[in-house]
N, C-alpha and C. Protein backbone atom coordinates (compact mmCIF):
# COMPACT_ATOMS: atom_id res chain seq x y z
N MET A 1 122.01 70.52 90.55
CA MET A 1 121.12 69.77 89.68
C MET A 1 120.70 70.64 88.51
N GLU A 2 120.95 70.16 87.29
CA GLU A 2 120.60 70.94 86.11
C GLU A 2 119.54 70.21 85.32
N LEU A 3 118.37 70.82 85.20
CA LEU A 3 117.27 70.28 84.41
C LEU A 3 116.94 71.29 83.32
N ARG A 4 116.79 70.83 82.10
CA ARG A 4 116.42 71.70 81.01
C ARG A 4 115.44 70.97 80.10
N PHE A 5 114.39 71.68 79.72
CA PHE A 5 113.37 71.12 78.83
C PHE A 5 113.13 72.14 77.72
N GLU A 6 114.06 72.19 76.76
CA GLU A 6 113.99 73.22 75.73
C GLU A 6 112.76 73.07 74.84
N ASP A 7 112.24 71.85 74.70
CA ASP A 7 111.08 71.64 73.84
C ASP A 7 109.78 71.53 74.62
N ASP A 8 109.84 71.82 75.91
CA ASP A 8 108.64 71.70 76.76
C ASP A 8 108.62 72.86 77.75
N PRO A 9 108.09 74.01 77.33
CA PRO A 9 108.08 75.19 78.20
C PRO A 9 107.35 74.97 79.52
N LEU A 10 106.34 74.12 79.52
CA LEU A 10 105.62 73.86 80.76
C LEU A 10 106.52 73.17 81.77
N ALA A 11 107.27 72.17 81.33
CA ALA A 11 108.20 71.49 82.23
C ALA A 11 109.28 72.45 82.70
N GLN A 12 109.76 73.31 81.80
CA GLN A 12 110.79 74.27 82.17
C GLN A 12 110.29 75.25 83.22
N SER A 13 109.00 75.56 83.19
CA SER A 13 108.45 76.48 84.20
C SER A 13 108.54 75.89 85.60
N PHE A 14 108.48 74.57 85.70
CA PHE A 14 108.65 73.92 87.01
C PHE A 14 110.11 73.96 87.44
N VAL A 15 111.02 73.85 86.49
CA VAL A 15 112.43 73.94 86.81
C VAL A 15 112.73 75.30 87.45
N ASP A 16 112.12 76.34 86.93
CA ASP A 16 112.34 77.68 87.46
C ASP A 16 111.86 77.82 88.90
N ARG A 17 111.01 76.91 89.35
CA ARG A 17 110.47 76.96 90.70
C ARG A 17 111.19 76.02 91.67
N VAL A 18 112.25 75.38 91.21
CA VAL A 18 112.97 74.42 92.05
C VAL A 18 113.52 75.04 93.33
N PRO A 19 114.08 76.27 93.31
CA PRO A 19 114.61 76.82 94.57
C PRO A 19 113.57 76.88 95.69
N GLY A 20 112.34 77.24 95.36
CA GLY A 20 111.29 77.26 96.37
C GLY A 20 110.98 75.88 96.89
N LEU A 21 111.02 74.90 96.00
CA LEU A 21 110.75 73.52 96.42
C LEU A 21 111.87 73.01 97.32
N ARG A 22 113.11 73.34 96.99
CA ARG A 22 114.23 72.91 97.83
C ARG A 22 114.10 73.49 99.24
N ALA A 23 113.62 74.73 99.34
CA ALA A 23 113.42 75.35 100.66
C ALA A 23 112.35 74.60 101.45
N ARG A 24 111.28 74.18 100.78
CA ARG A 24 110.24 73.41 101.46
C ARG A 24 110.78 72.06 101.93
N HIS A 25 111.64 71.47 101.12
CA HIS A 25 112.23 70.19 101.51
C HIS A 25 113.12 70.34 102.75
N ARG A 26 113.89 71.41 102.80
CA ARG A 26 114.75 71.64 103.98
C ARG A 26 113.90 71.83 105.22
N ALA A 27 112.80 72.56 105.08
CA ALA A 27 111.93 72.78 106.24
C ALA A 27 111.30 71.47 106.71
N LEU A 28 111.05 70.57 105.78
CA LEU A 28 110.43 69.29 106.13
C LEU A 28 111.44 68.34 106.78
N GLY A 29 112.73 68.54 106.48
CA GLY A 29 113.75 67.70 107.06
C GLY A 29 114.38 66.72 106.08
N LEU A 30 114.11 66.89 104.79
CA LEU A 30 114.70 66.01 103.79
C LEU A 30 116.20 66.29 103.65
N THR A 31 116.96 65.27 103.40
CA THR A 31 118.37 65.45 103.07
C THR A 31 118.48 66.00 101.65
N ASP A 32 119.67 66.46 101.30
CA ASP A 32 119.87 66.97 99.95
C ASP A 32 119.64 65.86 98.93
N GLU A 33 120.08 64.67 99.26
CA GLU A 33 119.89 63.53 98.35
C GLU A 33 118.41 63.23 98.16
N GLU A 34 117.65 63.26 99.25
CA GLU A 34 116.21 63.00 99.16
C GLU A 34 115.51 64.08 98.36
N SER A 35 115.93 65.33 98.53
CA SER A 35 115.35 66.43 97.77
C SER A 35 115.60 66.25 96.28
N ARG A 36 116.84 65.91 95.94
CA ARG A 36 117.18 65.70 94.53
C ARG A 36 116.37 64.53 93.94
N ALA A 37 116.23 63.47 94.70
CA ALA A 37 115.47 62.31 94.22
C ALA A 37 114.01 62.68 93.99
N THR A 38 113.45 63.48 94.90
CA THR A 38 112.06 63.90 94.75
C THR A 38 111.87 64.74 93.50
N ILE A 39 112.80 65.63 93.24
CA ILE A 39 112.72 66.51 92.07
C ILE A 39 112.83 65.72 90.77
N GLN A 40 113.50 64.57 90.82
CA GLN A 40 113.64 63.75 89.62
C GLN A 40 112.30 63.21 89.13
N ALA A 41 111.25 63.36 89.94
CA ALA A 41 109.92 62.96 89.48
C ALA A 41 109.51 63.73 88.23
N LEU A 42 109.99 64.97 88.08
CA LEU A 42 109.63 65.77 86.90
C LEU A 42 110.20 65.18 85.62
N PRO A 43 111.53 65.03 85.47
CA PRO A 43 112.03 64.44 84.22
C PRO A 43 111.53 63.02 83.99
N ARG A 44 111.34 62.26 85.07
CA ARG A 44 110.85 60.89 84.93
C ARG A 44 109.42 60.90 84.37
N HIS A 45 108.61 61.81 84.87
CA HIS A 45 107.22 61.92 84.44
C HIS A 45 107.13 62.38 82.99
N VAL A 46 107.92 63.37 82.65
CA VAL A 46 107.93 63.89 81.28
C VAL A 46 108.42 62.83 80.30
N GLU A 47 109.47 62.11 80.68
CA GLU A 47 110.02 61.08 79.80
C GLU A 47 109.05 59.93 79.60
N LEU A 48 108.33 59.54 80.66
CA LEU A 48 107.34 58.48 80.53
C LEU A 48 106.25 58.89 79.54
N HIS A 49 105.80 60.14 79.65
CA HIS A 49 104.77 60.63 78.73
C HIS A 49 105.27 60.58 77.30
N ARG A 50 106.51 60.97 77.09
CA ARG A 50 107.08 60.93 75.74
C ARG A 50 107.20 59.49 75.24
N ALA A 51 107.66 58.60 76.12
CA ALA A 51 107.82 57.20 75.73
C ALA A 51 106.48 56.58 75.34
N CYS A 52 105.42 57.06 75.97
CA CYS A 52 104.08 56.55 75.66
C CYS A 52 103.52 57.15 74.37
N GLY A 53 104.25 58.10 73.79
CA GLY A 53 103.80 58.73 72.55
C GLY A 53 103.07 60.02 72.74
N GLY A 54 103.13 60.60 73.94
CA GLY A 54 102.43 61.85 74.23
C GLY A 54 103.16 63.06 73.69
N GLU A 55 102.42 64.13 73.50
CA GLU A 55 102.98 65.38 73.01
C GLU A 55 103.58 66.18 74.16
N PRO A 56 104.60 67.02 73.88
CA PRO A 56 105.18 67.87 74.93
C PRO A 56 104.11 68.71 75.63
N GLY A 57 104.17 68.74 76.95
CA GLY A 57 103.22 69.54 77.73
C GLY A 57 101.89 68.87 77.98
N GLY A 58 101.71 67.63 77.46
CA GLY A 58 100.43 66.97 77.63
C GLY A 58 100.38 66.04 78.82
N TRP A 59 101.39 66.07 79.65
CA TRP A 59 101.45 65.18 80.80
C TRP A 59 100.60 65.73 81.95
N GLU A 60 100.51 64.97 83.04
CA GLU A 60 99.62 65.31 84.16
C GLU A 60 100.24 66.42 85.02
N VAL A 61 99.83 67.64 84.75
CA VAL A 61 100.37 68.79 85.47
C VAL A 61 100.02 68.71 86.96
N GLU A 62 98.83 68.20 87.26
CA GLU A 62 98.37 68.15 88.65
C GLU A 62 99.31 67.33 89.53
N TRP A 63 99.87 66.26 88.97
CA TRP A 63 100.77 65.40 89.73
C TRP A 63 102.04 66.17 90.11
N ILE A 64 102.62 66.88 89.15
CA ILE A 64 103.83 67.63 89.42
C ILE A 64 103.53 68.83 90.33
N GLU A 65 102.39 69.47 90.16
CA GLU A 65 102.02 70.57 91.04
C GLU A 65 101.95 70.11 92.48
N MET A 66 101.40 68.92 92.70
CA MET A 66 101.30 68.38 94.05
C MET A 66 102.70 68.18 94.65
N ILE A 67 103.62 67.66 93.84
CA ILE A 67 104.98 67.46 94.32
C ILE A 67 105.66 68.80 94.60
N TRP A 68 105.46 69.76 93.70
CA TRP A 68 106.10 71.07 93.86
C TRP A 68 105.50 71.86 95.02
N ASP A 69 104.32 71.47 95.47
CA ASP A 69 103.74 72.08 96.67
C ASP A 69 104.35 71.50 97.94
N GLY A 70 105.25 70.54 97.79
CA GLY A 70 105.92 69.94 98.94
C GLY A 70 105.13 68.86 99.63
N LYS A 71 104.12 68.28 98.94
CA LYS A 71 103.26 67.29 99.57
C LYS A 71 103.76 65.86 99.39
N LEU A 72 104.81 65.67 98.60
CA LEU A 72 105.34 64.33 98.36
C LEU A 72 106.84 64.32 98.52
N SER A 73 107.35 63.26 99.14
CA SER A 73 108.79 63.09 99.33
C SER A 73 109.20 61.72 98.85
N GLU A 74 110.31 61.65 98.12
CA GLU A 74 110.86 60.37 97.72
C GLU A 74 111.93 59.99 98.73
N LEU A 75 111.62 58.96 99.50
CA LEU A 75 112.47 58.56 100.62
C LEU A 75 113.03 57.17 100.34
N GLY A 76 114.11 57.12 99.60
CA GLY A 76 114.66 55.84 99.21
C GLY A 76 113.83 55.23 98.09
N ARG A 77 113.43 53.99 98.24
CA ARG A 77 112.74 53.28 97.17
C ARG A 77 111.31 53.75 96.94
N LEU A 78 110.67 54.32 97.94
CA LEU A 78 109.26 54.66 97.86
C LEU A 78 109.02 56.17 98.00
N GLN A 79 107.89 56.60 97.48
CA GLN A 79 107.44 57.97 97.66
C GLN A 79 106.29 58.00 98.66
N PHE A 80 106.23 59.09 99.45
CA PHE A 80 105.17 59.24 100.44
C PHE A 80 104.52 60.60 100.25
N GLU A 81 103.20 60.57 100.07
CA GLU A 81 102.42 61.79 99.85
C GLU A 81 101.56 62.06 101.08
N ASP A 82 101.62 63.29 101.56
CA ASP A 82 100.82 63.67 102.72
C ASP A 82 99.36 63.77 102.30
N HIS A 83 98.59 62.77 102.69
CA HIS A 83 97.18 62.69 102.32
C HIS A 83 96.30 63.53 103.23
N GLY A 84 96.86 63.90 104.39
CA GLY A 84 96.09 64.64 105.38
C GLY A 84 95.51 63.72 106.44
N GLU A 85 95.17 64.30 107.61
CA GLU A 85 94.54 63.57 108.71
C GLU A 85 95.37 62.37 109.15
N GLY A 86 96.70 62.53 109.13
CA GLY A 86 97.57 61.49 109.64
C GLY A 86 97.81 60.32 108.71
N VAL A 87 97.47 60.49 107.42
CA VAL A 87 97.59 59.40 106.45
C VAL A 87 98.60 59.77 105.37
N LEU A 88 99.44 58.81 105.00
CA LEU A 88 100.37 58.97 103.89
C LEU A 88 99.97 58.04 102.75
N ASP A 89 99.97 58.55 101.53
CA ASP A 89 99.80 57.71 100.36
C ASP A 89 101.17 57.23 99.90
N VAL A 90 101.29 55.95 99.64
CA VAL A 90 102.55 55.35 99.21
C VAL A 90 102.53 55.18 97.69
N HIS A 91 103.58 55.66 97.03
CA HIS A 91 103.72 55.50 95.59
C HIS A 91 105.04 54.78 95.28
N ILE A 92 105.07 54.09 94.15
CA ILE A 92 106.24 53.31 93.77
C ILE A 92 106.84 53.93 92.51
N PRO A 93 107.86 54.76 92.65
CA PRO A 93 108.45 55.40 91.47
C PRO A 93 109.17 54.39 90.59
N GLU A 94 109.13 54.65 89.30
CA GLU A 94 109.81 53.76 88.36
C GLU A 94 111.27 54.20 88.23
N THR A 95 112.09 53.67 89.11
CA THR A 95 113.49 54.06 89.15
C THR A 95 114.41 53.04 88.50
N GLY A 96 113.85 51.88 88.14
CA GLY A 96 114.68 50.82 87.60
C GLY A 96 115.24 49.91 88.68
N LEU A 97 115.02 50.25 89.94
CA LEU A 97 115.49 49.44 91.05
C LEU A 97 114.42 48.43 91.46
N PRO A 98 114.82 47.27 91.96
CA PRO A 98 113.84 46.28 92.40
C PRO A 98 113.07 46.77 93.63
N LEU A 99 111.90 46.20 93.81
CA LEU A 99 111.08 46.55 94.97
C LEU A 99 111.55 45.71 96.15
N ASP A 100 112.79 45.93 96.50
CA ASP A 100 113.47 45.11 97.50
C ASP A 100 112.87 45.32 98.89
N PRO A 101 112.56 44.25 99.61
CA PRO A 101 111.95 44.40 100.93
C PRO A 101 112.79 45.21 101.91
N VAL A 102 114.11 45.03 101.89
CA VAL A 102 114.97 45.77 102.80
C VAL A 102 114.93 47.27 102.47
N ALA A 103 114.95 47.59 101.18
CA ALA A 103 114.87 48.98 100.77
C ALA A 103 113.52 49.59 101.14
N CYS A 104 112.46 48.80 101.01
CA CYS A 104 111.13 49.30 101.38
C CYS A 104 111.03 49.51 102.89
N ASP A 105 111.63 48.61 103.66
CA ASP A 105 111.66 48.78 105.12
C ASP A 105 112.32 50.11 105.48
N ALA A 106 113.44 50.40 104.81
CA ALA A 106 114.16 51.64 105.08
C ALA A 106 113.33 52.86 104.71
N SER A 107 112.58 52.75 103.62
CA SER A 107 111.72 53.87 103.20
C SER A 107 110.63 54.14 104.23
N PHE A 108 110.00 53.08 104.72
CA PHE A 108 108.96 53.25 105.72
C PHE A 108 109.52 53.83 107.02
N GLU A 109 110.71 53.39 107.39
CA GLU A 109 111.32 53.91 108.61
C GLU A 109 111.63 55.39 108.45
N ARG A 110 112.12 55.77 107.29
CA ARG A 110 112.41 57.19 107.05
C ARG A 110 111.12 58.01 107.03
N ALA A 111 110.05 57.45 106.51
CA ALA A 111 108.77 58.15 106.49
C ALA A 111 108.29 58.43 107.91
N ARG A 112 108.54 57.49 108.82
CA ARG A 112 108.15 57.71 110.21
C ARG A 112 108.93 58.87 110.82
N GLU A 113 110.16 59.06 110.37
CA GLU A 113 110.99 60.17 110.88
C GLU A 113 110.53 61.51 110.30
N ILE A 114 110.23 61.53 109.02
CA ILE A 114 109.84 62.78 108.36
C ILE A 114 108.41 63.18 108.73
N TYR A 115 107.56 62.19 108.92
CA TYR A 115 106.14 62.45 109.21
C TYR A 115 105.77 61.81 110.55
N PRO A 116 106.32 62.30 111.66
CA PRO A 116 106.11 61.63 112.95
C PRO A 116 104.67 61.66 113.45
N ASP A 117 103.86 62.57 112.94
CA ASP A 117 102.47 62.67 113.40
C ASP A 117 101.51 61.82 112.58
N HIS A 118 102.02 61.13 111.60
CA HIS A 118 101.16 60.30 110.75
C HIS A 118 101.11 58.87 111.30
N HIS A 119 99.94 58.29 111.23
CA HIS A 119 99.73 56.98 111.85
C HIS A 119 99.43 55.87 110.86
N THR A 120 99.08 56.21 109.62
CA THR A 120 98.64 55.21 108.65
C THR A 120 99.25 55.50 107.28
N ALA A 121 99.58 54.43 106.57
CA ALA A 121 100.01 54.54 105.18
C ALA A 121 99.06 53.71 104.32
N GLN A 122 98.74 54.23 103.14
CA GLN A 122 97.87 53.49 102.24
C GLN A 122 98.45 53.54 100.82
N CYS A 123 98.19 52.50 100.07
CA CYS A 123 98.70 52.40 98.72
C CYS A 123 97.58 51.90 97.81
N THR A 124 97.37 52.60 96.70
CA THR A 124 96.41 52.16 95.70
C THR A 124 97.17 51.90 94.41
N SER A 125 97.27 50.64 94.01
CA SER A 125 98.12 50.29 92.88
C SER A 125 97.76 48.92 92.33
N TRP A 126 98.01 48.74 91.02
CA TRP A 126 97.85 47.43 90.41
C TRP A 126 98.83 46.43 91.03
N VAL A 127 99.89 46.92 91.63
CA VAL A 127 100.87 46.05 92.28
C VAL A 127 100.22 45.24 93.40
N LEU A 128 99.12 45.74 93.95
CA LEU A 128 98.45 45.06 95.06
C LEU A 128 97.35 44.11 94.61
N ASP A 129 97.14 43.96 93.31
CA ASP A 129 96.10 43.04 92.83
C ASP A 129 96.40 41.62 93.33
N PRO A 130 95.47 41.01 94.08
CA PRO A 130 95.72 39.67 94.62
C PRO A 130 95.99 38.62 93.55
N GLU A 131 95.51 38.85 92.32
CA GLU A 131 95.76 37.89 91.25
C GLU A 131 97.25 37.72 90.98
N LEU A 132 98.03 38.75 91.25
CA LEU A 132 99.48 38.64 91.04
C LEU A 132 100.10 37.63 91.99
N ALA A 133 99.60 37.60 93.22
CA ALA A 133 100.15 36.67 94.21
C ALA A 133 99.88 35.22 93.81
N GLU A 134 98.83 35.01 93.03
CA GLU A 134 98.52 33.65 92.58
C GLU A 134 99.35 33.25 91.37
N ALA A 135 99.86 34.25 90.64
CA ALA A 135 100.59 33.96 89.41
C ALA A 135 102.10 34.04 89.57
N LEU A 136 102.57 34.72 90.60
CA LEU A 136 104.00 34.91 90.80
C LEU A 136 104.51 34.05 91.96
N PRO A 137 105.81 33.77 92.00
CA PRO A 137 106.36 33.01 93.13
C PRO A 137 106.15 33.74 94.46
N ALA A 138 106.02 32.99 95.53
CA ALA A 138 105.78 33.58 96.84
C ALA A 138 106.90 34.51 97.27
N ALA A 139 108.11 34.26 96.78
CA ALA A 139 109.27 35.08 97.15
C ALA A 139 109.43 36.31 96.27
N ALA A 140 108.55 36.51 95.30
CA ALA A 140 108.66 37.67 94.42
C ALA A 140 108.51 38.96 95.21
N ASN A 141 109.25 39.97 94.84
CA ASN A 141 109.22 41.23 95.58
C ASN A 141 107.82 41.84 95.62
N ILE A 142 107.08 41.73 94.52
CA ILE A 142 105.72 42.28 94.48
C ILE A 142 104.84 41.57 95.50
N VAL A 143 104.94 40.26 95.57
CA VAL A 143 104.12 39.50 96.52
C VAL A 143 104.49 39.89 97.94
N ARG A 144 105.75 40.04 98.22
CA ARG A 144 106.19 40.43 99.57
C ARG A 144 105.76 41.86 99.88
N PHE A 145 105.72 42.72 98.87
CA PHE A 145 105.23 44.07 99.09
C PHE A 145 103.74 44.04 99.43
N GLN A 146 102.99 43.18 98.77
CA GLN A 146 101.56 43.06 99.06
C GLN A 146 101.31 42.70 100.52
N HIS A 147 102.19 41.89 101.09
CA HIS A 147 101.98 41.42 102.45
C HIS A 147 102.09 42.54 103.50
N ARG A 148 102.56 43.69 103.10
CA ARG A 148 102.64 44.82 104.02
C ARG A 148 101.27 45.44 104.32
N PHE A 149 100.31 45.15 103.46
CA PHE A 149 99.05 45.88 103.50
C PHE A 149 97.85 44.95 103.74
N VAL A 150 96.85 45.53 104.37
CA VAL A 150 95.54 44.88 104.47
C VAL A 150 94.65 45.55 103.43
N LEU A 151 94.09 44.77 102.52
CA LEU A 151 93.32 45.34 101.43
C LEU A 151 91.91 45.73 101.86
N ARG A 152 91.50 46.89 101.39
CA ARG A 152 90.09 47.27 101.52
C ARG A 152 89.32 46.62 100.39
N LYS A 153 88.01 46.73 100.45
CA LYS A 153 87.19 46.04 99.47
C LYS A 153 87.03 46.82 98.17
N GLU A 154 87.32 48.12 98.19
CA GLU A 154 87.13 48.88 96.96
C GLU A 154 88.37 48.82 96.09
N TRP A 155 88.18 48.95 94.80
CA TRP A 155 89.30 49.02 93.86
C TRP A 155 88.82 49.70 92.58
N ARG A 156 89.76 50.02 91.72
CA ARG A 156 89.44 50.58 90.41
C ARG A 156 90.15 49.76 89.34
N ASP A 157 89.62 49.84 88.12
CA ASP A 157 90.26 49.15 87.01
C ASP A 157 91.64 49.76 86.75
N ALA A 158 92.62 48.91 86.43
CA ALA A 158 93.99 49.40 86.31
C ALA A 158 94.69 48.94 85.03
N ASN A 159 93.93 48.50 84.03
CA ASN A 159 94.56 48.08 82.78
C ASN A 159 95.37 49.21 82.15
N ASP A 160 94.83 50.42 82.18
CA ASP A 160 95.55 51.55 81.60
C ASP A 160 96.84 51.83 82.37
N ASP A 161 96.80 51.65 83.68
CA ASP A 161 98.01 51.84 84.49
C ASP A 161 99.08 50.83 84.10
N VAL A 162 98.67 49.58 83.90
CA VAL A 162 99.63 48.54 83.51
C VAL A 162 100.27 48.88 82.17
N LEU A 163 99.45 49.29 81.21
CA LEU A 163 99.99 49.64 79.90
C LEU A 163 100.95 50.82 80.00
N ARG A 164 100.59 51.80 80.80
CA ARG A 164 101.41 53.00 80.90
C ARG A 164 102.71 52.78 81.67
N PHE A 165 102.59 52.22 82.86
CA PHE A 165 103.75 52.15 83.74
C PHE A 165 104.65 50.93 83.49
N VAL A 166 104.11 49.88 82.92
CA VAL A 166 104.92 48.69 82.66
C VAL A 166 105.40 48.65 81.21
N PHE A 167 104.47 48.92 80.29
CA PHE A 167 104.81 48.80 78.87
C PHE A 167 105.01 50.14 78.17
N HIS A 168 104.84 51.22 78.90
CA HIS A 168 105.13 52.57 78.40
C HIS A 168 104.38 52.87 77.10
N THR A 169 103.08 52.69 77.16
CA THR A 169 102.25 52.99 76.01
C THR A 169 100.86 53.40 76.45
N TYR A 170 100.24 54.27 75.67
CA TYR A 170 98.83 54.60 75.84
C TYR A 170 97.97 53.75 74.90
N ASP A 171 98.62 53.00 74.03
CA ASP A 171 97.95 52.21 72.99
C ASP A 171 97.43 50.91 73.59
N SER A 172 96.15 50.65 73.39
CA SER A 172 95.54 49.43 73.94
C SER A 172 95.65 48.24 73.00
N ASN A 173 96.39 48.39 71.89
CA ASN A 173 96.58 47.29 70.96
C ASN A 173 97.56 46.29 71.57
N LEU A 174 97.05 45.19 72.09
CA LEU A 174 97.88 44.24 72.82
C LEU A 174 98.86 43.50 71.91
N ASP A 175 98.58 43.46 70.61
CA ASP A 175 99.48 42.77 69.68
C ASP A 175 100.85 43.45 69.60
N ARG A 176 100.91 44.71 70.02
CA ARG A 176 102.17 45.44 69.95
C ARG A 176 103.05 45.22 71.19
N LEU A 177 102.51 44.58 72.20
CA LEU A 177 103.26 44.38 73.43
C LEU A 177 104.25 43.23 73.26
N ARG A 178 105.44 43.41 73.81
CA ARG A 178 106.48 42.39 73.75
C ARG A 178 106.98 42.10 75.16
N PRO A 179 106.25 41.25 75.89
CA PRO A 179 106.65 40.95 77.28
C PRO A 179 108.00 40.25 77.32
N ARG A 180 108.84 40.65 78.26
CA ARG A 180 110.18 40.08 78.38
C ARG A 180 110.41 39.35 79.69
N THR A 181 109.71 39.77 80.75
CA THR A 181 109.93 39.18 82.07
C THR A 181 108.73 38.33 82.48
N THR A 182 108.91 37.58 83.56
CA THR A 182 107.80 36.78 84.07
C THR A 182 106.61 37.67 84.42
N LEU A 183 106.87 38.78 85.10
CA LEU A 183 105.79 39.70 85.45
C LEU A 183 105.08 40.21 84.22
N GLU A 184 105.83 40.65 83.22
CA GLU A 184 105.21 41.19 82.01
C GLU A 184 104.37 40.13 81.30
N ARG A 185 104.85 38.91 81.28
CA ARG A 185 104.08 37.83 80.62
C ARG A 185 102.79 37.56 81.38
N VAL A 186 102.84 37.59 82.71
CA VAL A 186 101.63 37.40 83.51
C VAL A 186 100.63 38.51 83.24
N LEU A 187 101.11 39.74 83.18
CA LEU A 187 100.23 40.87 82.95
C LEU A 187 99.57 40.80 81.58
N VAL A 188 100.35 40.48 80.55
CA VAL A 188 99.83 40.43 79.19
C VAL A 188 98.86 39.27 79.01
N GLU A 189 99.18 38.14 79.62
CA GLU A 189 98.31 36.97 79.49
C GLU A 189 96.89 37.29 79.95
N ARG A 190 96.78 37.98 81.07
CA ARG A 190 95.45 38.32 81.58
C ARG A 190 94.75 39.33 80.68
N LEU A 191 95.49 40.30 80.18
CA LEU A 191 94.91 41.30 79.28
C LEU A 191 94.40 40.65 78.00
N ARG A 192 95.20 39.77 77.44
CA ARG A 192 94.81 39.12 76.19
C ARG A 192 93.64 38.16 76.37
N ALA A 193 93.45 37.70 77.60
CA ALA A 193 92.31 36.83 77.90
C ALA A 193 91.05 37.64 78.18
N GLY A 194 91.15 38.96 78.08
CA GLY A 194 90.00 39.82 78.33
C GLY A 194 89.80 40.17 79.78
N GLY A 195 90.78 39.85 80.61
CA GLY A 195 90.66 40.14 82.03
C GLY A 195 91.00 41.57 82.38
N THR A 196 90.76 41.92 83.61
CA THR A 196 91.01 43.28 84.10
C THR A 196 91.92 43.23 85.32
N TRP A 197 93.01 43.96 85.25
CA TRP A 197 93.83 44.15 86.43
C TRP A 197 93.22 45.25 87.28
N ARG A 198 93.26 45.05 88.58
CA ARG A 198 92.62 45.99 89.50
C ARG A 198 93.67 46.69 90.36
N ALA A 199 93.32 47.89 90.80
CA ALA A 199 94.17 48.63 91.73
C ALA A 199 93.41 48.78 93.04
N PRO A 200 93.56 47.82 93.95
CA PRO A 200 92.92 47.95 95.26
C PRO A 200 93.71 48.90 96.15
N THR A 201 93.09 49.30 97.24
CA THR A 201 93.77 50.12 98.24
C THR A 201 94.13 49.24 99.42
N GLY A 202 95.43 49.29 99.77
CA GLY A 202 95.90 48.57 100.93
C GLY A 202 96.31 49.53 102.02
N VAL A 203 96.14 49.14 103.27
CA VAL A 203 96.41 50.02 104.42
C VAL A 203 97.35 49.30 105.38
N THR A 204 98.26 50.09 105.97
CA THR A 204 99.16 49.56 106.99
C THR A 204 99.43 50.62 108.04
N SER A 205 99.72 50.19 109.25
CA SER A 205 99.98 51.12 110.35
C SER A 205 101.41 51.61 110.29
N LEU A 206 101.62 52.86 110.67
CA LEU A 206 102.96 53.43 110.79
C LEU A 206 103.44 53.44 112.23
N ARG A 207 102.62 53.00 113.14
CA ARG A 207 102.97 53.01 114.55
C ARG A 207 103.56 51.68 115.00
């Protein structure tokens, strides 16, 4: 795997630490493919920041540090972060692949193998906002993903997350958004109406 960030010395400094991360992955039991996929979080994160109009080196270093500490593994379609005390945080990487239920099932099964002592998985994301289930078809992958979790009552505002991860912008000027899919149109419609997308926390058992 060759990663180079000639215009971003901070990102390149993480590349120099890849051998240590690969060793941690082997100790955890990740396959070579899973290790490579996990490491791709760095270029994906840097590219997203650039696409949003950010300056080199201005991305969230803490997120990559956490991954380079070996606390997160990309296991197929989903990422799993060791939250501690038997809990895994579930993240949805932007890989361009659909949130296919079969692929998600495989990811959860692999997580049980890699983290056999963990009993609970939790996800905090705008993807779990119940308003989406009311606006999208029941068979939509997002709606089916929501059904995996029992929602807690707390949540945080997620409009910035929607702008960043769906529309790849830090700019809150909604007139610049050009929704192309049903999901994007649903998201923009609520934003333009002055509404707020929420990121609730959902919990599911790993046992």
